[in-house]
Amino acid sequence: MKSFAILAATAVLGFTVSGCDSQAENEVEQTAEAIDQRAEAEADLLEASEAGGPNEAAAEQRADQIRRDGEETKDHLEDEADTMDATPQ
């Protein structure tokens, strides 16, 4: 999950420097959605790889955490994007 946080921070910093207009806001929101979708795919893959096995329950719990982390990262980035146009440069 550290990779999600690093990617999120990099995205926000990069778009902050790039001018913070509505185009940048849209790009941050698109990045946020992509991060969430990646987390969903990672969680689905984890569950599928452990389905029916002895680690199935643990994998499901980990997958749920991955989904929550992806959603939290997305929400945080979207909140940051919402303030981008409102912040004077």
Protein backbone atom coordinates (compact mmCIF):
# COMPACT_ATOMS: atom_id res chain seq x y z
CA MET A 1 0.00 0.00 0.00
CA LYS A 2 3.00 2.28 0.33
CA SER A 3 3.14 2.35 -3.46
CA PHE A 4 -0.40 3.81 -3.55
CA ALA A 5 0.58 6.54 -1.09
CA ILE A 6 3.76 7.37 -3.00
CA LEU A 7 1.91 7.44 -6.32
CA ALA A 8 -0.82 9.61 -4.82
CA ALA A 9 1.64 12.09 -3.33
CA THR A 10 3.57 12.29 -6.58
CA ALA A 11 0.39 12.89 -8.56
CA VAL A 12 -0.75 15.71 -6.29
CA LEU A 13 2.66 17.38 -6.27
CA GLY A 14 3.06 17.05 -10.01
CA PHE A 15 -0.31 18.54 -10.76
CA THR A 16 0.12 21.28 -8.17
CA VAL A 17 3.26 22.46 -9.93
CA SER A 18 1.64 22.17 -13.36
CA GLY A 19 -0.71 25.09 -12.91
CA CYS A 20 -3.70 23.81 -10.94
CA ASP A 21 -6.28 24.69 -13.52
CA SER A 22 -9.38 22.63 -14.17
CA GLN A 23 -7.41 20.43 -16.58
CA ALA A 24 -5.02 19.53 -13.75
CA GLU A 25 -7.95 18.90 -11.45
CA ASN A 26 -9.44 16.52 -14.01
CA GLU A 27 -6.12 14.72 -14.39
CA VAL A 28 -5.79 14.24 -10.64
CA GLU A 29 -9.31 12.84 -10.51
CA GLN A 30 -8.49 10.47 -13.37
CA THR A 31 -5.35 9.35 -11.55
CA ALA A 32 -7.39 8.81 -8.40
CA GLU A 33 -9.83 6.61 -10.28
CA ALA A 34 -6.98 4.63 -11.86
CA ILE A 35 -5.42 4.02 -8.43
CA ASP A 36 -8.74 2.75 -7.11
CA GLN A 37 -9.23 0.49 -10.14
CA ARG A 38 -5.71 -0.89 -9.72
CA ALA A 39 -6.44 -1.71 -6.08
CA GLU A 40 -9.65 -3.48 -7.10
CA ALA A 41 -7.79 -5.54 -9.69
CA GLU A 42 -5.03 -6.42 -7.23
CA ALA A 43 -7.61 -7.50 -4.65
CA ASP A 44 -9.52 -9.57 -7.20
CA LEU A 45 -6.33 -11.29 -8.28
CA LEU A 46 -5.36 -12.07 -4.69
CA GLU A 47 -8.77 -13.57 -3.96
CA ALA A 48 -8.76 -15.61 -7.15
CA SER A 49 -5.28 -16.96 -6.52
CA GLU A 50 -6.20 -18.18 -3.02
CA ALA A 51 -9.78 -19.34 -3.72
CA GLY A 52 -10.40 -22.77 -2.26
CA GLY A 53 -6.99 -22.89 -0.63
CA PRO A 54 -5.94 -22.91 3.01
CA ASN A 55 -5.21 -19.17 2.94
CA GLU A 56 -8.55 -18.16 1.42
CA ALA A 57 -9.89 -16.36 4.52
CA ALA A 58 -6.66 -14.44 5.06
CA ALA A 59 -6.55 -13.51 1.38
CA GLU A 60 -10.11 -12.20 1.53
CA GLN A 61 -9.25 -10.04 4.53
CA ARG A 62 -6.14 -8.71 2.81
CA ALA A 63 -8.11 -8.07 -0.38
CA ASP A 64 -10.69 -6.10 1.60
CA GLN A 65 -7.88 -3.99 3.08
CA ILE A 66 -6.40 -3.36 -0.37
CA ARG A 67 -9.81 -2.19 -1.58
CA ARG A 68 -10.23 0.12 1.43
CA ASP A 69 -6.76 1.59 0.92
CA GLY A 70 -7.44 2.21 -2.76
CA GLU A 71 -10.75 3.88 -1.96
CA GLU A 72 -9.16 6.05 0.74
CA THR A 73 -6.38 7.12 -1.61
CA LYS A 74 -8.93 7.94 -4.32
CA ASP A 75 -11.06 9.94 -1.90
CA HIS A 76 -8.04 11.85 -0.62
CA LEU A 77 -6.87 12.73 -4.13
CA GLU A 78 -10.36 13.79 -5.17
CA ASP A 79 -10.57 16.05 -2.12
CA GLU A 80 -7.21 17.56 -3.05
CA ALA A 81 -8.36 18.02 -6.65
CA ASP A 82 -11.49 19.82 -5.49
CA THR A 83 -9.36 22.44 -3.77
CA MET A 84 -6.95 22.90 -6.70
CA ASP A 85 -9.02 25.42 -8.64
CA ALA A 86 -10.03 27.23 -5.47
CA THR A 87 -6.43 27.81 -4.40
CA PRO A 88 -4.96 31.03 -5.89
CA GLN A 89 -1.54 30.66 -7.52
